[in-house]
């Protein structure tokens, strides 16, 4: 039982060491720029999907009105 606890404790220590000393974290400016890019891309994709859905809906109405 204590052996498993020791392994878990060592894993937690190693994880902390890697996160603090070995990872490179983005600066606030880089993080903000990335968030703006993701938000912009999401809005553009949502608009494209909305336009495609509207066009498809109108085409289907036209097809159904023929039959």
PDB file of N, CA and C in Angstrom:
ATOM      1  N   UNK A   1       0.823  -1.191   0.000  1.00  0.00           N
ATOM      2  CA  UNK A   1       0.000   0.000   0.000  1.00  0.00           C
ATOM      3  C   UNK A   1       0.868   1.257   0.000  1.00  0.00           C
ATOM      4  N   UNK A   2       1.893   1.266   0.853  1.00  0.00           N
ATOM      5  CA  UNK A   2       2.770   2.426   0.917  1.00  0.00           C
ATOM      6  C   UNK A   2       3.578   2.590  -0.357  1.00  0.00           C
ATOM      7  N   UNK A   3       3.853   1.476  -1.019  1.00  0.00           N
ATOM      8  CA  UNK A   3       4.608   1.537  -2.273  1.00  0.00           C
ATOM      9  C   UNK A   3       3.792   2.272  -3.342  1.00  0.00           C
ATOM     10  N   UNK A   4       2.498   1.994  -3.393  1.00  0.00           N
ATOM     11  CA  UNK A   4       1.639   2.679  -4.366  1.00  0.00           C
ATOM     12  C   UNK A   4       1.554   4.169  -4.051  1.00  0.00           C
ATOM     13  N   UNK A   5       1.450   4.511  -2.762  1.00  0.00           N
ATOM     14  CA  UNK A   5       1.399   5.915  -2.372  1.00  0.00           C
ATOM     15  C   UNK A   5       2.688   6.626  -2.756  1.00  0.00           C
ATOM     16  N   UNK A   6       3.808   5.936  -2.588  1.00  0.00           N
ATOM     17  CA  UNK A   6       5.099   6.517  -2.961  1.00  0.00           C
ATOM     18  C   UNK A   6       5.184   6.777  -4.456  1.00  0.00           C
ATOM     19  N   UNK A   7       4.648   5.860  -5.257  1.00  0.00           N
ATOM     20  CA  UNK A   7       4.650   6.041  -6.705  1.00  0.00           C
ATOM     21  C   UNK A   7       3.754   7.212  -7.106  1.00  0.00           C
ATOM     22  N   UNK A   8       2.600   7.316  -6.465  1.00  0.00           N
ATOM     23  CA  UNK A   8       1.682   8.424  -6.760  1.00  0.00           C
ATOM     24  C   UNK A   8       2.318   9.749  -6.359  1.00  0.00           C
ATOM     25  N   UNK A   9       2.958   9.788  -5.195  1.00  0.00           N
ATOM     26  CA  UNK A   9       3.615  11.010  -4.736  1.00  0.00           C
ATOM     27  C   UNK A   9       4.742  11.404  -5.694  1.00  0.00           C
ATOM     28  N   UNK A  10       5.523  10.426  -6.149  1.00  0.00           N
ATOM     29  CA  UNK A  10       6.616  10.709  -7.083  1.00  0.00           C
ATOM     30  C   UNK A  10       6.062  11.207  -8.414  1.00  0.00           C
ATOM     31  N   UNK A  11       4.966  10.614  -8.862  1.00  0.00           N
ATOM     32  CA  UNK A  11       4.329  11.059 -10.097  1.00  0.00           C
ATOM     33  C   UNK A  11       3.882  12.517  -9.972  1.00  0.00           C
ATOM     34  N   UNK A  12       3.269  12.867  -8.840  1.00  0.00           N
ATOM     35  CA  UNK A  12       2.818  14.243  -8.617  1.00  0.00           C
ATOM     36  C   UNK A  12       3.999  15.206  -8.598  1.00  0.00           C
ATOM     37  N   UNK A  13       5.075  14.828  -7.951  1.00  0.00           N
ATOM     38  CA  UNK A  13       6.274  15.678  -7.910  1.00  0.00           C
ATOM     39  C   UNK A  13       6.865  15.857  -9.306  1.00  0.00           C
ATOM     40  N   UNK A  14       6.955  14.760 -10.059  1.00  0.00           N
ATOM     41  CA  UNK A  14       7.500  14.840 -11.420  1.00  0.00           C
ATOM     42  C   UNK A  14       6.613  15.690 -12.331  1.00  0.00           C
ATOM     43  N   UNK A  15       5.309  15.525 -12.170  1.00  0.00           N
ATOM     44  CA  UNK A  15       4.373  16.320 -12.981  1.00  0.00           C
ATOM     45  C   UNK A  15       4.517  17.801 -12.664  1.00  0.00           C
ATOM     46  N   UNK A  16       4.598  18.141 -11.397  1.00  0.00           N
ATOM     47  CA  UNK A  16       4.763  19.532 -10.990  1.00  0.00           C
ATOM     48  C   UNK A  16       6.072  20.094 -11.552  1.00  0.00           C
ATOM     49  N   UNK A  17       7.146  19.336 -11.435  1.00  0.00           N
ATOM     50  CA  UNK A  17       8.447  19.784 -11.934  1.00  0.00           C
ATOM     51  C   UNK A  17       8.391  20.041 -13.436  1.00  0.00           C
ATOM     52  N   UNK A  18       7.729  19.150 -14.171  1.00  0.00           N
ATOM     53  CA  UNK A  18       7.645  19.326 -15.616  1.00  0.00           C
ATOM     54  C   UNK A  18       6.801  20.554 -15.971  1.00  0.00           C
ATOM     55  N   UNK A  19       5.674  20.740 -15.292  1.00  0.00           N
ATOM     56  CA  UNK A  19       4.810  21.884 -15.582  1.00  0.00           C
ATOM     57  C   UNK A  19       5.463  23.221 -15.244  1.00  0.00           C
ATOM     58  N   UNK A  20       6.248  23.243 -14.183  1.00  0.00           N
ATOM     59  CA  UNK A  20       6.844  24.506 -13.733  1.00  0.00           C
ATOM     60  C   UNK A  20       8.146  24.811 -14.469  1.00  0.00           C
ATOM     61  N   UNK A  21       8.979  23.791 -14.693  1.00  0.00           N
ATOM     62  CA  UNK A  21      10.326  24.056 -15.190  1.00  0.00           C
ATOM     63  C   UNK A  21      10.561  23.688 -16.657  1.00  0.00           C
ATOM     64  N   UNK A  22       9.757  22.792 -17.217  1.00  0.00           N
ATOM     65  CA  UNK A  22      10.050  22.304 -18.561  1.00  0.00           C
ATOM     66  C   UNK A  22       9.054  22.781 -19.615  1.00  0.00           C
ATOM     67  N   UNK A  23       7.879  23.222 -19.204  1.00  0.00           N
ATOM     68  CA  UNK A  23       6.868  23.686 -20.165  1.00  0.00           C
ATOM     69  C   UNK A  23       7.071  25.167 -20.449  1.00  0.00           C
ATOM     70  N   UNK A  24       6.798  25.539 -21.680  1.00  0.00           N
ATOM     71  CA  UNK A  24       6.842  26.965 -22.005  1.00  0.00           C
ATOM     72  C   UNK A  24       5.403  27.461 -22.099  1.00  0.00           C
ATOM     73  N   UNK A  25       5.047  28.390 -21.245  1.00  0.00           N
ATOM     74  CA  UNK A  25       3.692  28.914 -21.186  1.00  0.00           C
ATOM     75  C   UNK A  25       3.615  30.190 -22.022  1.00  0.00           C
ATOM     76  N   UNK A  26       2.493  30.398 -22.708  1.00  0.00           N
ATOM     77  CA  UNK A  26       2.364  31.617 -23.519  1.00  0.00           C
ATOM     78  C   UNK A  26       2.250  32.850 -22.631  1.00  0.00           C
ATOM     79  N   UNK A  27       2.693  33.970 -23.194  1.00  0.00           N
ATOM     80  CA  UNK A  27       2.524  35.228 -22.470  1.00  0.00           C
ATOM     81  C   UNK A  27       1.061  35.646 -22.577  1.00  0.00           C
ATOM     82  N   UNK A  28       0.696  36.644 -21.799  1.00  0.00           N
ATOM     83  CA  UNK A  28      -0.687  37.136 -21.823  1.00  0.00           C
ATOM     84  C   UNK A  28      -1.050  37.639 -23.217  1.00  0.00           C
ATOM     85  N   UNK A  29      -0.117  38.325 -23.869  1.00  0.00           N
ATOM     86  CA  UNK A  29      -0.383  38.864 -25.208  1.00  0.00           C
ATOM     87  C   UNK A  29      -0.572  37.726 -26.216  1.00  0.00           C
ATOM     88  N   UNK A  30       0.275  36.697 -26.153  1.00  0.00           N
ATOM     89  CA  UNK A  30       0.131  35.553 -27.054  1.00  0.00           C
ATOM     90  C   UNK A  30      -1.192  34.834 -26.825  1.00  0.00           C
ATOM     91  N   UNK A  31      -1.559  34.694 -25.566  1.00  0.00           N
ATOM     92  CA  UNK A  31      -2.810  34.028 -25.225  1.00  0.00           C
ATOM     93  C   UNK A  31      -4.009  34.826 -25.725  1.00  0.00           C
ATOM     94  N   UNK A  32      -3.958  36.137 -25.570  1.00  0.00           N
ATOM     95  CA  UNK A  32      -5.038  36.998 -26.047  1.00  0.00           C
ATOM     96  C   UNK A  32      -5.151  36.926 -27.565  1.00  0.00           C
ATOM     97  N   UNK A  33      -4.012  36.985 -28.259  1.00  0.00           N
ATOM     98  CA  UNK A  33      -4.037  36.900 -29.723  1.00  0.00           C
ATOM     99  C   UNK A  33      -4.623  35.569 -30.187  1.00  0.00           C
ATOM    100  N   UNK A  34      -4.241  34.494 -29.545  1.00  0.00           N
ATOM    101  CA  UNK A  34      -4.764  33.183 -29.915  1.00  0.00           C
ATOM    102  C   UNK A  34      -6.270  33.108 -29.675  1.00  0.00           C
ATOM    103  N   UNK A  35      -6.718  33.667 -28.570  1.00  0.00           N
ATOM    104  CA  UNK A  35      -8.149  33.653 -28.265  1.00  0.00           C
ATOM    105  C   UNK A  35      -8.934  34.455 -29.295  1.00  0.00           C
ATOM    106  N   UNK A  36      -8.394  35.592 -29.724  1.00  0.00           N
ATOM    107  CA  UNK A  36      -9.062  36.408 -30.736  1.00  0.00           C
ATOM    108  C   UNK A  36      -9.129  35.663 -32.064  1.00  0.00           C
ATOM    109  N   UNK A  37      -8.059  34.984 -32.428  1.00  0.00           N
ATOM    110  CA  UNK A  37      -8.047  34.214 -33.678  1.00  0.00           C
ATOM    111  C   UNK A  37      -9.084  33.092 -33.622  1.00  0.00           C
ATOM    112  N   UNK A  38      -9.146  32.369 -32.520  1.00  0.00           N
ATOM    113  CA  UNK A  38     -10.114  31.278 -32.388  1.00  0.00           C
ATOM    114  C   UNK A  38     -11.540  31.819 -32.420  1.00  0.00           C
ATOM    115  N   UNK A  39     -11.785  32.915 -31.732  1.00  0.00           N
ATOM    116  CA  UNK A  39     -13.117  33.513 -31.726  1.00  0.00           C
ATOM    117  C   UNK A  39     -13.513  33.968 -33.122  1.00  0.00           C
ATOM    118  N   UNK A  40     -12.604  34.615 -33.824  1.00  0.00           N
ATOM    119  CA  UNK A  40     -12.890  35.090 -35.186  1.00  0.00           C
ATOM    120  C   UNK A  40     -13.175  33.914 -36.122  1.00  0.00           C
ATOM    121  N   UNK A  41     -12.353  32.895 -36.058  1.00  0.00           N
ATOM    122  CA  UNK A  41     -12.555  31.722 -36.911  1.00  0.00           C
ATOM    123  C   UNK A  41     -13.884  31.045 -36.593  1.00  0.00           C
ATOM    124  N   UNK A  42     -14.236  30.970 -35.326  1.00  0.00           N
ATOM    125  CA  UNK A  42     -15.503  30.348 -34.933  1.00  0.00           C
ATOM    126  C   UNK A  42     -16.693  31.121 -35.480  1.00  0.00           C
ATOM    127  N   UNK A  43     -16.622  32.447 -35.413  1.00  0.00           N
ATOM    128  CA  UNK A  43     -17.713  33.267 -35.937  1.00  0.00           C
ATOM    129  C   UNK A  43     -17.819  33.114 -37.450  1.00  0.00           C
ATOM    130  N   UNK A  44     -16.691  33.125 -38.137  1.00  0.00           N
ATOM    131  CA  UNK A  44     -16.711  32.973 -39.600  1.00  0.00           C
ATOM    132  C   UNK A  44     -17.282  31.618 -39.993  1.00  0.00           C
ATOM    133  N   UNK A  45     -16.852  30.563 -39.328  1.00  0.00           N
ATOM    134  CA  UNK A  45     -17.357  29.222 -39.638  1.00  0.00           C
ATOM    135  C   UNK A  45     -18.853  29.138 -39.346  1.00  0.00           C
ATOM    136  N   UNK A  46     -19.297  29.727 -38.239  1.00  0.00           N
ATOM    137  CA  UNK A  46     -20.720  29.721 -37.905  1.00  0.00           C
ATOM    138  C   UNK A  46     -21.524  30.455 -38.978  1.00  0.00           C
ATOM    139  N   UNK A  47     -21.014  31.572 -39.468  1.00  0.00           N
ATOM    140  CA  UNK A  47     -21.713  32.314 -40.523  1.00  0.00           C
ATOM    141  C   UNK A  47     -21.769  31.517 -41.817  1.00  0.00           C
ATOM    142  N   UNK A  48     -20.678  30.854 -42.173  1.00  0.00           N
ATOM    143  CA  UNK A  48     -20.663  30.023 -43.385  1.00  0.00           C
ATOM    144  C   UNK A  48     -21.687  28.898 -43.269  1.00  0.00           C
ATOM    145  N   UNK A  49     -21.730  28.236 -42.128  1.00  0.00           N
ATOM    146  CA  UNK A  49     -22.694  27.157 -41.923  1.00  0.00           C
ATOM    147  C   UNK A  49     -24.120  27.706 -41.975  1.00  0.00           C
ATOM    148  N   UNK A  50     -24.357  28.867 -41.393  1.00  0.00           N
ATOM    149  CA  UNK A  50     -25.685  29.485 -41.425  1.00  0.00           C
ATOM    150  C   UNK A  50     -26.114  29.777 -42.856  1.00  0.00           C
ATOM    151  N   UNK A  51     -25.208  30.338 -43.655  1.00  0.00           N
ATOM    152  CA  UNK A  51     -25.527  30.650 -45.053  1.00  0.00           C
ATOM    153  C   UNK A  51     -25.799  29.359 -45.834  1.00  0.00           C
ATOM    154  N   UNK A  52     -24.959  28.360 -45.634  1.00  0.00           N
ATOM    155  CA  UNK A  52     -25.174  27.086 -46.328  1.00  0.00           C
ATOM    156  C   UNK A  52     -26.512  26.465 -45.935  1.00  0.00           C
ATOM    157  N   UNK A  53     -26.857  26.514 -44.668  1.00  0.00           N
ATOM    158  CA  UNK A  53     -28.119  25.960 -44.190  1.00  0.00           C
ATOM    159  C   UNK A  53     -29.304  26.715 -44.784  1.00  0.00           C
ATOM    160  N   UNK A  54     -29.208  28.030 -44.837  1.00  0.00           N
ATOM    161  CA  UNK A  54     -30.287  28.837 -45.400  1.00  0.00           C
ATOM    162  C   UNK A  54     -30.469  28.549 -46.888  1.00  0.00           C
ATOM    163  N   UNK A  55     -29.375  28.480 -47.621  1.00  0.00           N
ATOM    164  CA  UNK A  55     -29.446  28.181 -49.058  1.00  0.00           C
ATOM    165  C   UNK A  55     -30.032  26.787 -49.273  1.00  0.00           C
ATOM    166  N   UNK A  56     -29.578  25.808 -48.513  1.00  0.00           N
ATOM    167  CA  UNK A  56     -30.089  24.446 -48.650  1.00  0.00           C
ATOM    168  C   UNK A  56     -31.577  24.397 -48.322  1.00  0.00           C
ATOM    169  N   UNK A  57     -31.989  25.131 -47.283  1.00  0.00           N
ATOM    170  CA  UNK A  57     -33.412  25.171 -46.919  1.00  0.00           C
ATOM    171  C   UNK A  57     -34.261  25.729 -48.064  1.00  0.00           C
ATOM    172  N   UNK A  58     -33.799  26.808 -48.678  1.00  0.00           N
ATOM    173  CA  UNK A  58     -34.544  27.409 -49.785  1.00  0.00           C
ATOM    174  C   UNK A  58     -34.574  26.473 -50.993  1.00  0.00           C
ATOM    175  N   UNK A  59     -33.472  25.792 -51.269  1.00  0.00           N
ATOM    176  CA  UNK A  59     -33.457  24.822 -52.365  1.00  0.00           C
ATOM    177  C   UNK A  59     -34.432  23.678 -52.113  1.00  0.00           C
ATOM    178  N   UNK A  60     -34.471  23.205 -50.892  1.00  0.00           N
ATOM    179  CA  UNK A  60     -35.394  22.115 -50.566  1.00  0.00           C
ATOM    180  C   UNK A  60     -36.845  22.579 -50.666  1.00  0.00           C
ATOM    181  N   UNK A  61     -37.129  23.804 -50.264  1.00  0.00           N
ATOM    182  CA  UNK A  61     -38.487  24.343 -50.419  1.00  0.00           C
ATOM    183  C   UNK A  61     -38.864  24.387 -51.893  1.00  0.00           C
ATOM    184  N   UNK A  62     -37.915  24.791 -52.737  1.00  0.00           N
ATOM    185  CA  UNK A  62     -38.162  24.843 -54.174  1.00  0.00           C
ATOM    186  C   UNK A  62     -38.421  23.443 -54.729  1.00  0.00           C
ATOM    187  N   UNK A  63     -37.623  22.489 -54.328  1.00  0.00           N
ATOM    188  CA  UNK A  63     -37.802  21.111 -54.788  1.00  0.00           C
ATOM    189  C   UNK A  63     -39.150  20.557 -54.328  1.00  0.00           C
ATOM    190  N   UNK A  64     -39.494  20.793 -53.067  1.00  0.00           N
ATOM    191  CA  UNK A  64     -40.770  20.269 -52.544  1.00  0.00           C
ATOM    192  C   UNK A  64     -41.964  20.950 -53.189  1.00  0.00           C
ATOM    193  N   UNK A  65     -41.821  22.207 -53.563  1.00  0.00           N
ATOM    194  CA  UNK A  65     -42.945  22.902 -54.188  1.00  0.00           C
ATOM    195  C   UNK A  65     -43.208  22.378 -55.606  1.00  0.00           C
ATOM    196  N   UNK A  66     -42.197  21.832 -56.252  1.00  0.00           N
ATOM    197  CA  UNK A  66     -42.367  21.261 -57.586  1.00  0.00           C
ATOM    198  C   UNK A  66     -43.172  19.973 -57.518  1.00  0.00           C
ATOM    199  N   UNK A  67     -42.961  19.175 -56.474  1.00  0.00           N
ATOM    200  CA  UNK A  67     -43.651  17.887 -56.355  1.00  0.00           C
ATOM    201  C   UNK A  67     -44.844  18.060 -55.528  1.00  0.00           C
TER     202      UNK A  67
END
